Amino acid sequence: MSFFDLNNIFFRYQLLNEISILEDNIDEHNSKIAELETLKKDLLGNDRNLERYARVKYLMKKDDEDLFVIVEEKKPTKDE
């Protein structure tokens, strides 16, 4: 009986392991949500912060500005 139905020891162990992994994922997602909520509060609470975030993250600019993006080149190594 203990080896042939879905309530056997091996199946229970797999379920407990899966539950543990899923609970860890929930904790990670909750911490990420809290981090994003604070970022949202900082951005939406102040127009300067929102403008700075848009400029840095999405390379946005005002109509009368020029935007220069500087990309550092990778130095070749001896093998290349």
PDB file of N, CA and C in Angstrom:
ATOM      1  N   MET A   1       0.813  -1.190   0.000  1.00  0.00           N
ATOM      2  CA  MET A   1       0.000   0.000   0.000  1.00  0.00           C
ATOM      3  C   MET A   1       0.863   1.262   0.000  1.00  0.00           C
ATOM      4  N   SER A   2       1.926   1.237   0.714  1.00  0.00           N
ATOM      5  CA  SER A   2       2.728   2.465   0.840  1.00  0.00           C
ATOM      6  C   SER A   2       3.584   2.737  -0.394  1.00  0.00           C
ATOM      7  N   PHE A   3       3.673   1.825  -1.330  1.00  0.00           N
ATOM      8  CA  PHE A   3       4.488   2.041  -2.521  1.00  0.00           C
ATOM      9  C   PHE A   3       3.669   2.203  -3.804  1.00  0.00           C
ATOM     10  N   PHE A   4       2.393   1.929  -3.756  1.00  0.00           N
ATOM     11  CA  PHE A   4       1.620   1.883  -4.985  1.00  0.00           C
ATOM     12  C   PHE A   4       0.622   3.029  -5.155  1.00  0.00           C
ATOM     13  N   ASP A   5       0.339   3.786  -4.144  1.00  0.00           N
ATOM     14  CA  ASP A   5      -0.603   4.888  -4.307  1.00  0.00           C
ATOM     15  C   ASP A   5       0.139   6.226  -4.292  1.00  0.00           C
ATOM     16  N   LEU A   6      -0.595   7.312  -4.415  1.00  0.00           N
ATOM     17  CA  LEU A   6       0.020   8.638  -4.465  1.00  0.00           C
ATOM     18  C   LEU A   6       0.418   9.173  -3.098  1.00  0.00           C
ATOM     19  N   ASN A   7       0.190   8.464  -2.060  1.00  0.00           N
ATOM     20  CA  ASN A   7       0.564   8.894  -0.720  1.00  0.00           C
ATOM     21  C   ASN A   7       1.819   8.185  -0.226  1.00  0.00           C
ATOM     22  N   ASN A   8       2.641   7.700  -1.135  1.00  0.00           N
ATOM     23  CA  ASN A   8       3.841   6.987  -0.705  1.00  0.00           C
ATOM     24  C   ASN A   8       4.908   7.984  -0.228  1.00  0.00           C
ATOM     25  N   ILE A   9       5.926   7.449   0.353  1.00  0.00           N
ATOM     26  CA  ILE A   9       6.980   8.268   0.969  1.00  0.00           C
ATOM     27  C   ILE A   9       7.741   9.080  -0.068  1.00  0.00           C
ATOM     28  N   PHE A  10       8.040   8.501  -1.184  1.00  0.00           N
ATOM     29  CA  PHE A  10       8.827   9.198  -2.207  1.00  0.00           C
ATOM     30  C   PHE A  10       8.050  10.384  -2.798  1.00  0.00           C
ATOM     31  N   PHE A  11       6.788  10.162  -3.054  1.00  0.00           N
ATOM     32  CA  PHE A  11       5.956  11.243  -3.589  1.00  0.00           C
ATOM     33  C   PHE A  11       5.810  12.364  -2.566  1.00  0.00           C
ATOM     34  N   ARG A  12       5.643  12.029  -1.303  1.00  0.00           N
ATOM     35  CA  ARG A  12       5.542  13.024  -0.234  1.00  0.00           C
ATOM     36  C   ARG A  12       6.838  13.834  -0.129  1.00  0.00           C
ATOM     37  N   TYR A  13       7.960  13.170  -0.237  1.00  0.00           N
ATOM     38  CA  TYR A  13       9.249  13.864  -0.165  1.00  0.00           C
ATOM     39  C   TYR A  13       9.398  14.836  -1.334  1.00  0.00           C
ATOM     40  N   GLN A  14       9.001  14.431  -2.518  1.00  0.00           N
ATOM     41  CA  GLN A  14       9.066  15.320  -3.674  1.00  0.00           C
ATOM     42  C   GLN A  14       8.151  16.528  -3.491  1.00  0.00           C
ATOM     43  N   LEU A  15       6.973  16.315  -2.957  1.00  0.00           N
ATOM     44  CA  LEU A  15       6.056  17.414  -2.712  1.00  0.00           C
ATOM     45  C   LEU A  15       6.612  18.395  -1.684  1.00  0.00           C
ATOM     46  N   LEU A  16       7.182  17.880  -0.612  1.00  0.00           N
ATOM     47  CA  LEU A  16       7.771  18.754   0.405  1.00  0.00           C
ATOM     48  C   LEU A  16       8.932  19.561  -0.155  1.00  0.00           C
ATOM     49  N   ASN A  17       9.721  18.931  -1.004  1.00  0.00           N
ATOM     50  CA  ASN A  17      10.835  19.628  -1.635  1.00  0.00           C
ATOM     51  C   ASN A  17      10.327  20.729  -2.558  1.00  0.00           C
ATOM     52  N   GLU A  18       9.308  20.431  -3.332  1.00  0.00           N
ATOM     53  CA  GLU A  18       8.731  21.416  -4.244  1.00  0.00           C
ATOM     54  C   GLU A  18       8.085  22.569  -3.475  1.00  0.00           C
ATOM     55  N   ILE A  19       7.419  22.270  -2.385  1.00  0.00           N
ATOM     56  CA  ILE A  19       6.821  23.311  -1.556  1.00  0.00           C
ATOM     57  C   ILE A  19       7.893  24.230  -0.985  1.00  0.00           C
ATOM     58  N   SER A  20       8.986  23.659  -0.554  1.00  0.00           N
ATOM     59  CA  SER A  20      10.087  24.455  -0.016  1.00  0.00           C
ATOM     60  C   SER A  20      10.654  25.405  -1.069  1.00  0.00           C
ATOM     61  N   ILE A  21      10.833  24.905  -2.271  1.00  0.00           N
ATOM     62  CA  ILE A  21      11.360  25.737  -3.369  1.00  0.00           C
ATOM     63  C   ILE A  21      10.381  26.862  -3.697  1.00  0.00           C
ATOM     64  N   LEU A  22       9.098  26.545  -3.753  1.00  0.00           N
ATOM     65  CA  LEU A  22       8.093  27.553  -4.073  1.00  0.00           C
ATOM     66  C   LEU A  22       7.981  28.614  -2.983  1.00  0.00           C
ATOM     67  N   GLU A  23       8.118  28.220  -1.728  1.00  0.00           N
ATOM     68  CA  GLU A  23       8.094  29.200  -0.641  1.00  0.00           C
ATOM     69  C   GLU A  23       9.301  30.133  -0.707  1.00  0.00           C
ATOM     70  N   ASP A  24      10.452  29.600  -1.094  1.00  0.00           N
ATOM     71  CA  ASP A  24      11.629  30.451  -1.290  1.00  0.00           C
ATOM     72  C   ASP A  24      11.400  31.444  -2.420  1.00  0.00           C
ATOM     73  N   ASN A  25      10.768  30.984  -3.498  1.00  0.00           N
ATOM     74  CA  ASN A  25      10.449  31.871  -4.613  1.00  0.00           C
ATOM     75  C   ASN A  25       9.485  32.975  -4.189  1.00  0.00           C
ATOM     76  N   ILE A  26       8.533  32.640  -3.338  1.00  0.00           N
ATOM     77  CA  ILE A  26       7.588  33.637  -2.846  1.00  0.00           C
ATOM     78  C   ILE A  26       8.321  34.712  -2.055  1.00  0.00           C
ATOM     79  N   ASP A  27       9.250  34.303  -1.204  1.00  0.00           N
ATOM     80  CA  ASP A  27      10.023  35.267  -0.423  1.00  0.00           C
ATOM     81  C   ASP A  27      10.844  36.183  -1.326  1.00  0.00           C
ATOM     82  N   GLU A  28      11.469  35.620  -2.356  1.00  0.00           N
ATOM     83  CA  GLU A  28      12.259  36.425  -3.291  1.00  0.00           C
ATOM     84  C   GLU A  28      11.375  37.426  -4.030  1.00  0.00           C
ATOM     85  N   HIS A  29      10.217  36.971  -4.477  1.00  0.00           N
ATOM     86  CA  HIS A  29       9.313  37.851  -5.209  1.00  0.00           C
ATOM     87  C   HIS A  29       8.750  38.953  -4.300  1.00  0.00           C
ATOM     88  N   ASN A  30       8.447  38.616  -3.063  1.00  0.00           N
ATOM     89  CA  ASN A  30       7.950  39.632  -2.139  1.00  0.00           C
ATOM     90  C   ASN A  30       9.001  40.698  -1.858  1.00  0.00           C
ATOM     91  N   SER A  31      10.260  40.310  -1.734  1.00  0.00           N
ATOM     92  CA  SER A  31      11.310  41.307  -1.514  1.00  0.00           C
ATOM     93  C   SER A  31      11.494  42.170  -2.759  1.00  0.00           C
ATOM     94  N   LYS A  32      11.398  41.578  -3.936  1.00  0.00           N
ATOM     95  CA  LYS A  32      11.503  42.347  -5.177  1.00  0.00           C
ATOM     96  C   LYS A  32      10.331  43.317  -5.314  1.00  0.00           C
ATOM     97  N   ILE A  33       9.141  42.888  -4.938  1.00  0.00           N
ATOM     98  CA  ILE A  33       7.970  43.755  -4.978  1.00  0.00           C
ATOM     99  C   ILE A  33       8.157  44.939  -4.032  1.00  0.00           C
ATOM    100  N   ALA A  34       8.658  44.689  -2.841  1.00  0.00           N
ATOM    101  CA  ALA A  34       8.887  45.776  -1.884  1.00  0.00           C
ATOM    102  C   ALA A  34       9.916  46.765  -2.432  1.00  0.00           C
ATOM    103  N   GLU A  35      10.967  46.253  -3.054  1.00  0.00           N
ATOM    104  CA  GLU A  35      11.991  47.116  -3.654  1.00  0.00           C
ATOM    105  C   GLU A  35      11.394  47.974  -4.771  1.00  0.00           C
ATOM    106  N   LEU A  36      10.567  47.377  -5.614  1.00  0.00           N
ATOM    107  CA  LEU A  36       9.942  48.122  -6.706  1.00  0.00           C
ATOM    108  C   LEU A  36       8.924  49.137  -6.196  1.00  0.00           C
ATOM    109  N   GLU A  37       8.244  48.824  -5.115  1.00  0.00           N
ATOM    110  CA  GLU A  37       7.299  49.773  -4.531  1.00  0.00           C
ATOM    111  C   GLU A  37       8.020  51.012  -4.016  1.00  0.00           C
ATOM    112  N   THR A  38       9.176  50.833  -3.374  1.00  0.00           N
ATOM    113  CA  THR A  38       9.920  51.998  -2.898  1.00  0.00           C
ATOM    114  C   THR A  38      10.441  52.808  -4.070  1.00  0.00           C
ATOM    115  N   LEU A  39      10.897  52.150  -5.140  1.00  0.00           N
ATOM    116  CA  LEU A  39      11.347  52.866  -6.333  1.00  0.00           C
ATOM    117  C   LEU A  39      10.187  53.638  -6.955  1.00  0.00           C
ATOM    118  N   LYS A  40       9.027  53.034  -7.015  1.00  0.00           N
ATOM    119  CA  LYS A  40       7.842  53.700  -7.563  1.00  0.00           C
ATOM    120  C   LYS A  40       7.480  54.915  -6.729  1.00  0.00           C
ATOM    121  N   LYS A  41       7.529  54.764  -5.407  1.00  0.00           N
ATOM    122  CA  LYS A  41       7.204  55.879  -4.528  1.00  0.00           C
ATOM    123  C   LYS A  41       8.203  57.021  -4.709  1.00  0.00           C
ATOM    124  N   ASP A  42       9.486  56.693  -4.857  1.00  0.00           N
ATOM    125  CA  ASP A  42      10.508  57.716  -5.070  1.00  0.00           C
ATOM    126  C   ASP A  42      10.321  58.423  -6.402  1.00  0.00           C
ATOM    127  N   LEU A  43       9.992  57.674  -7.440  1.00  0.00           N
ATOM    128  CA  LEU A  43       9.855  58.270  -8.768  1.00  0.00           C
ATOM    129  C   LEU A  43       8.591  59.112  -8.904  1.00  0.00           C
ATOM    130  N   LEU A  44       7.478  58.603  -8.443  1.00  0.00           N
ATOM    131  CA  LEU A  44       6.224  59.307  -8.620  1.00  0.00           C
ATOM    132  C   LEU A  44       6.039  60.432  -7.603  1.00  0.00           C
ATOM    133  N   GLY A  45       6.814  60.431  -6.551  1.00  0.00           N
ATOM    134  CA  GLY A  45       6.707  61.471  -5.544  1.00  0.00           C
ATOM    135  C   GLY A  45       7.454  62.736  -5.906  1.00  0.00           C
ATOM    136  N   ASN A  46       8.374  62.664  -6.863  1.00  0.00           N
ATOM    137  CA  ASN A  46       9.208  63.810  -7.193  1.00  0.00           C
ATOM    138  C   ASN A  46       9.424  63.834  -8.702  1.00  0.00           C
ATOM    139  N   ASP A  47       9.074  64.958  -9.341  1.00  0.00           N
ATOM    140  CA  ASP A  47       9.219  65.060 -10.794  1.00  0.00           C
ATOM    141  C   ASP A  47      10.682  65.061 -11.236  1.00  0.00           C
ATOM    142  N   ARG A  48      11.557  65.608 -10.420  1.00  0.00           N
ATOM    143  CA  ARG A  48      12.979  65.610 -10.783  1.00  0.00           C
ATOM    144  C   ARG A  48      13.536  64.194 -10.838  1.00  0.00           C
ATOM    145  N   ASN A  49      13.160  63.381  -9.876  1.00  0.00           N
ATOM    146  CA  ASN A  49      13.631  61.994  -9.875  1.00  0.00           C
ATOM    147  C   ASN A  49      13.090  61.234 -11.071  1.00  0.00           C
ATOM    148  N   LEU A  50      11.828  61.472 -11.416  1.00  0.00           N
ATOM    149  CA  LEU A  50      11.224  60.807 -12.566  1.00  0.00           C
ATOM    150  C   LEU A  50      11.927  61.216 -13.855  1.00  0.00           C
ATOM    151  N   GLU A  51      12.232  62.495 -13.989  1.00  0.00           N
ATOM    152  CA  GLU A  51      12.923  62.974 -15.184  1.00  0.00           C
ATOM    153  C   GLU A  51      14.343  62.395 -15.265  1.00  0.00           C
ATOM    154  N   ARG A  52      15.047  62.359 -14.145  1.00  0.00           N
ATOM    155  CA  ARG A  52      16.399  61.805 -14.137  1.00  0.00           C
ATOM    156  C   ARG A  52      16.381  60.312 -14.480  1.00  0.00           C
ATOM    157  N   TYR A  53      15.412  59.582 -13.957  1.00  0.00           N
ATOM    158  CA  TYR A  53      15.296  58.157 -14.251  1.00  0.00           C
ATOM    159  C   TYR A  53      15.031  57.933 -15.737  1.00  0.00           C
ATOM    160  N   ALA A  54      14.146  58.730 -16.321  1.00  0.00           N
ATOM    161  CA  ALA A  54      13.842  58.594 -17.751  1.00  0.00           C
ATOM    162  C   ALA A  54      15.065  58.919 -18.592  1.00  0.00           C
ATOM    163  N   ARG A  55      15.829  59.912 -18.191  1.00  0.00           N
ATOM    164  CA  ARG A  55      17.026  60.275 -18.944  1.00  0.00           C
ATOM    165  C   ARG A  55      18.076  59.161 -18.911  1.00  0.00           C
ATOM    166  N   VAL A  56      18.276  58.589 -17.747  1.00  0.00           N
ATOM    167  CA  VAL A  56      19.314  57.563 -17.603  1.00  0.00           C
ATOM    168  C   VAL A  56      18.870  56.233 -18.184  1.00  0.00           C
ATOM    169  N   LYS A  57      17.689  55.803 -17.830  1.00  0.00           N
ATOM    170  CA  LYS A  57      17.239  54.463 -18.210  1.00  0.00           C
ATOM    171  C   LYS A  57      16.840  54.380 -19.678  1.00  0.00           C
ATOM    172  N   TYR A  58      16.126  55.374 -20.177  1.00  0.00           N
ATOM    173  CA  TYR A  58      15.564  55.293 -21.518  1.00  0.00           C
ATOM    174  C   TYR A  58      16.172  56.288 -22.491  1.00  0.00           C
ATOM    175  N   LEU A  59      17.236  56.973 -22.067  1.00  0.00           N
ATOM    176  CA  LEU A  59      17.962  57.933 -22.901  1.00  0.00           C
ATOM    177  C   LEU A  59      17.025  58.994 -23.490  1.00  0.00           C
ATOM    178  N   MET A  60      16.098  59.471 -22.680  1.00  0.00           N
ATOM    179  CA  MET A  60      15.183  60.512 -23.125  1.00  0.00           C
ATOM    180  C   MET A  60      15.838  61.873 -22.970  1.00  0.00           C
ATOM    181  N   LYS A  61      15.358  62.838 -23.753  1.00  0.00           N
ATOM    182  CA  LYS A  61      15.916  64.179 -23.700  1.00  0.00           C
ATOM    183  C   LYS A  61      14.825  65.188 -23.987  1.00  0.00           C
ATOM    184  N   LYS A  62      15.137  66.450 -23.679  1.00  0.00           N
ATOM    185  CA  LYS A  62      14.220  67.532 -24.021  1.00  0.00           C
ATOM    186  C   LYS A  62      14.422  67.892 -25.480  1.00  0.00           C
ATOM    187  N   ASP A  63      13.463  68.624 -26.053  1.00  0.00           N
ATOM    188  CA  ASP A  63      13.516  68.958 -27.479  1.00  0.00           C
ATOM    189  C   ASP A  63      14.713  69.837 -27.828  1.00  0.00           C
ATOM    190  N   ASP A  64      15.140  70.696 -26.929  1.00  0.00           N
ATOM    191  CA  ASP A  64      16.226  71.614 -27.240  1.00  0.00           C
ATOM    192  C   ASP A  64      17.595  71.089 -26.798  1.00  0.00           C
ATOM    193  N   GLU A  65      17.704  69.827 -26.487  1.00  0.00           N
ATOM    194  CA  GLU A  65      18.962  69.241 -26.022  1.00  0.00           C
ATOM    195  C   GLU A  65      19.520  68.273 -27.056  1.00  0.00           C
ATOM    196  N   ASP A  66      20.831  68.128 -27.014  1.00  0.00           N
ATOM    197  CA  ASP A  66      21.509  67.093 -27.794  1.00  0.00           C
ATOM    198  C   ASP A  66      21.981  66.026 -26.824  1.00  0.00           C
ATOM    199  N   LEU A  67      21.886  64.795 -27.249  1.00  0.00           N
ATOM    200  CA  LEU A  67      22.255  63.684 -26.385  1.00  0.00           C
ATOM    201  C   LEU A  67      23.428  62.949 -26.998  1.00  0.00           C
ATOM    202  N   PHE A  68      24.473  62.786 -26.227  1.00  0.00           N
ATOM    203  CA  PHE A  68      25.652  62.051 -26.668  1.00  0.00           C
ATOM    204  C   PHE A  68      25.795  60.814 -25.795  1.00  0.00           C
ATOM    205  N   VAL A  69      25.857  59.664 -26.425  1.00  0.00           N
ATOM    206  CA  VAL A  69      26.032  58.413 -25.709  1.00  0.00           C
ATOM    207  C   VAL A  69      27.467  57.959 -25.920  1.00  0.00           C
ATOM    208  N   ILE A  70      28.193  57.812 -24.833  1.00  0.00           N
ATOM    209  CA  ILE A  70      29.595  57.408 -24.904  1.00  0.00           C
ATOM    210  C   ILE A  70      29.677  55.926 -24.554  1.00  0.00           C
ATOM    211  N   VAL A  71      30.208  55.161 -25.473  1.00  0.00           N
ATOM    212  CA  VAL A  71      30.352  53.722 -25.281  1.00  0.00           C
ATOM    213  C   VAL A  71      31.839  53.408 -25.206  1.00  0.00           C
ATOM    214  N   GLU A  72      32.229  52.756 -24.133  1.00  0.00           N
ATOM    215  CA  GLU A  72      33.631  52.379 -23.989  1.00  0.00           C
ATOM    216  C   GLU A  72      33.914  51.155 -24.846  1.00  0.00           C
ATOM    217  N   GLU A  73      34.988  51.229 -25.588  1.00  0.00           N
ATOM    218  CA  GLU A  73      35.365  50.088 -26.425  1.00  0.00           C
ATOM    219  C   GLU A  73      36.131  49.075 -25.595  1.00  0.00           C
ATOM    220  N   LYS A  74      35.950  47.848 -25.943  1.00  0.00           N
ATOM    221  CA  LYS A  74      36.639  46.782 -25.253  1.00  0.00           C
ATOM    222  C   LYS A  74      38.067  46.703 -25.785  1.00  0.00           C
ATOM    223  N   LYS A  75      39.020  46.698 -24.881  1.00  0.00           N
ATOM    224  CA  LYS A  75      40.417  46.611 -25.294  1.00  0.00           C
ATOM    225  C   LYS A  75      40.737  45.174 -25.708  1.00  0.00           C
ATOM    226  N   PRO A  76      41.427  45.014 -26.833  1.00  0.00           N
ATOM    227  CA  PRO A  76      41.773  43.645 -27.257  1.00  0.00           C
ATOM    228  C   PRO A  76      42.786  43.018 -26.313  1.00  0.00           C
ATOM    229  N   THR A  77      42.621  41.749 -26.133  1.00  0.00           N
ATOM    230  CA  THR A  77      43.573  41.009 -25.287  1.00  0.00           C
ATOM    231  C   THR A  77      44.654  40.401 -26.167  1.00  0.00           C
ATOM    232  N   LYS A  78      45.599  39.752 -25.578  1.00  0.00           N
ATOM    233  CA  LYS A  78      46.704  39.160 -26.313  1.00  0.00           C
ATOM    234  C   LYS A  78      46.232  38.030 -27.233  1.00  0.00           C
ATOM    235  N   ASP A  79      45.163  37.343 -26.860  1.00  0.00           N
ATOM    236  CA  ASP A  79      44.668  36.228 -27.642  1.00  0.00           C
ATOM    237  C   ASP A  79      43.925  36.679 -28.898  1.00  0.00           C
ATOM    238  N   GLU A  80      43.468  37.919 -28.934  1.00  0.00           N
ATOM    239  CA  GLU A  80      42.667  38.362 -30.080  1.00  0.00           C
ATOM    240  C   GLU A  80      43.510  38.897 -31.169  1.00  0.00           C
TER     241      GLU A  80
END
